[in-house]
Amino acid sequence: MKICISVSDDIAAKVDALAEELRTSRSLIYATAANQFVARYSERKEKLDKVYGPPVSAPPTPFRRMMANNIRKERGGHKW
């Protein structure tokens, strides 16, 4: 899959230099970085879920609607 991302000039230059040094593609470096980020996030999330339990699902829609209406009334009827 091809994607487009925006990175600072500084990071792009460092990735270019590293790719040249390792004789590999920039794409491989970005893909490796993304894979490592996702793996670390998953590990952290798993540890937190063990401590705090699984994420709580969103409140039922009628409850959210009621709370949103209450907030709007408190703000003078303006949408946020």
C-alpha atoms as a PDB file:
ATOM      1  CA  MET A   1       0.000   0.000   0.000  1.00  0.00           C
ATOM      2  CA  LYS A   2       1.214   3.471  -0.746  1.00  0.00           C
ATOM      3  CA  ILE A   3       0.539   6.364   1.610  1.00  0.00           C
ATOM      4  CA  CYS A   4       1.598   9.974   1.859  1.00  0.00           C
ATOM      5  CA  ILE A   5       2.949  11.443   5.093  1.00  0.00           C
ATOM      6  CA  SER A   6       4.372  14.788   6.111  1.00  0.00           C
ATOM      7  CA  VAL A   7       7.602  14.946   8.097  1.00  0.00           C
ATOM      8  CA  SER A   8       9.861  17.831   8.997  1.00  0.00           C
ATOM      9  CA  ASP A   9      12.805  18.614   6.728  1.00  0.00           C
ATOM     10  CA  ASP A  10      15.126  17.624   9.576  1.00  0.00           C
ATOM     11  CA  ILE A  11      13.619  14.126   9.921  1.00  0.00           C
ATOM     12  CA  ALA A  12      13.516  13.639   6.148  1.00  0.00           C
ATOM     13  CA  ALA A  13      17.207  14.515   5.877  1.00  0.00           C
ATOM     14  CA  LYS A  14      18.083  12.097   8.678  1.00  0.00           C
ATOM     15  CA  VAL A  15      16.069   9.308   7.056  1.00  0.00           C
ATOM     16  CA  ASP A  16      17.701  10.018   3.686  1.00  0.00           C
ATOM     17  CA  ALA A  17      21.168   9.822   5.271  1.00  0.00           C
ATOM     18  CA  LEU A  18      20.312   6.623   7.139  1.00  0.00           C
ATOM     19  CA  ALA A  19      18.851   5.001   4.032  1.00  0.00           C
ATOM     20  CA  GLU A  20      22.036   5.813   2.126  1.00  0.00           C
ATOM     21  CA  GLU A  21      24.222   4.523   4.959  1.00  0.00           C
ATOM     22  CA  LEU A  22      22.255   1.276   5.257  1.00  0.00           C
ATOM     23  CA  ARG A  23      21.826   0.994   1.484  1.00  0.00           C
ATOM     24  CA  THR A  24      18.110   0.535   1.826  1.00  0.00           C
ATOM     25  CA  SER A  25      14.999   2.443   0.875  1.00  0.00           C
ATOM     26  CA  ARG A  26      13.427   5.288   2.811  1.00  0.00           C
ATOM     27  CA  SER A  27      10.155   3.367   2.606  1.00  0.00           C
ATOM     28  CA  LEU A  28      11.679   0.483   4.547  1.00  0.00           C
ATOM     29  CA  ILE A  29      12.882   2.848   7.271  1.00  0.00           C
ATOM     30  CA  TYR A  30       9.472   4.523   7.605  1.00  0.00           C
ATOM     31  CA  ALA A  31       7.684   1.145   7.533  1.00  0.00           C
ATOM     32  CA  THR A  32      10.033  -0.241  10.208  1.00  0.00           C
ATOM     33  CA  ALA A  33       9.466   2.822  12.393  1.00  0.00           C
ATOM     34  CA  ALA A  34       5.689   2.487  12.004  1.00  0.00           C
ATOM     35  CA  ASN A  35       5.809  -1.235  12.848  1.00  0.00           C
ATOM     36  CA  GLN A  36       7.864  -0.555  15.978  1.00  0.00           C
ATOM     37  CA  PHE A  37       5.505   2.247  17.049  1.00  0.00           C
ATOM     38  CA  VAL A  38       2.437   0.025  16.641  1.00  0.00           C
ATOM     39  CA  ALA A  39       4.113  -2.834  18.529  1.00  0.00           C
ATOM     40  CA  ARG A  40       5.079  -0.568  21.454  1.00  0.00           C
ATOM     41  CA  TYR A  41       1.587   0.951  21.556  1.00  0.00           C
ATOM     42  CA  SER A  42       0.003  -2.511  21.580  1.00  0.00           C
ATOM     43  CA  GLU A  43       2.266  -3.668  24.405  1.00  0.00           C
ATOM     44  CA  ARG A  44       1.504  -0.587  26.506  1.00  0.00           C
ATOM     45  CA  LYS A  45      -2.220  -0.869  25.847  1.00  0.00           C
ATOM     46  CA  GLU A  46      -2.186  -4.541  26.814  1.00  0.00           C
ATOM     47  CA  LYS A  47      -0.407  -3.740  30.092  1.00  0.00           C
ATOM     48  CA  LEU A  48      -2.820  -0.906  30.886  1.00  0.00           C
ATOM     49  CA  ASP A  49      -5.824  -3.104  30.075  1.00  0.00           C
ATOM     50  CA  LYS A  50      -4.505  -5.681  32.557  1.00  0.00           C
ATOM     51  CA  VAL A  51      -4.301  -3.008  35.263  1.00  0.00           C
ATOM     52  CA  TYR A  52      -7.482  -1.031  34.524  1.00  0.00           C
ATOM     53  CA  GLY A  53      -9.573  -3.569  32.644  1.00  0.00           C
ATOM     54  CA  PRO A  54     -10.835  -3.364  29.075  1.00  0.00           C
ATOM     55  CA  PRO A  55     -11.943   0.003  27.691  1.00  0.00           C
ATOM     56  CA  VAL A  56     -15.432   1.056  28.730  1.00  0.00           C
ATOM     57  CA  SER A  57     -17.857   1.279  25.858  1.00  0.00           C
ATOM     58  CA  ALA A  58     -19.473   4.601  25.031  1.00  0.00           C
ATOM     59  CA  PRO A  59     -22.675   5.413  26.904  1.00  0.00           C
ATOM     60  CA  PRO A  60     -25.918   4.623  25.106  1.00  0.00           C
ATOM     61  CA  THR A  61     -26.933   7.098  22.436  1.00  0.00           C
ATOM     62  CA  PRO A  62     -30.005   8.457  24.291  1.00  0.00           C
ATOM     63  CA  PHE A  63     -27.806   9.243  27.308  1.00  0.00           C
ATOM     64  CA  ARG A  64     -25.228  11.047  25.149  1.00  0.00           C
ATOM     65  CA  ARG A  65     -28.005  13.019  23.462  1.00  0.00           C
ATOM     66  CA  MET A  66     -29.477  14.023  26.840  1.00  0.00           C
ATOM     67  CA  MET A  67     -26.060  15.121  28.139  1.00  0.00           C
ATOM     68  CA  ALA A  68     -25.352  17.109  24.969  1.00  0.00           C
ATOM     69  CA  ASN A  69     -28.730  18.869  25.302  1.00  0.00           C
ATOM     70  CA  ASN A  70     -28.001  19.715  28.938  1.00  0.00           C
ATOM     71  CA  ILE A  71     -24.633  21.182  28.021  1.00  0.00           C
ATOM     72  CA  ARG A  72     -26.192  23.224  25.214  1.00  0.00           C
ATOM     73  CA  LYS A  73     -28.793  24.606  27.610  1.00  0.00           C
ATOM     74  CA  GLU A  74     -26.063  25.570  30.075  1.00  0.00           C
ATOM     75  CA  ARG A  75     -24.219  27.382  27.291  1.00  0.00           C
ATOM     76  CA  GLY A  76     -27.272  29.318  26.196  1.00  0.00           C
ATOM     77  CA  GLY A  77     -28.306  26.992  23.367  1.00  0.00           C
ATOM     78  CA  HIS A  78     -25.071  27.266  21.391  1.00  0.00           C
ATOM     79  CA  LYS A  79     -23.597  24.185  19.751  1.00  0.00           C
ATOM     80  CA  TRP A  80     -20.028  23.410  20.710  1.00  0.00           C
END
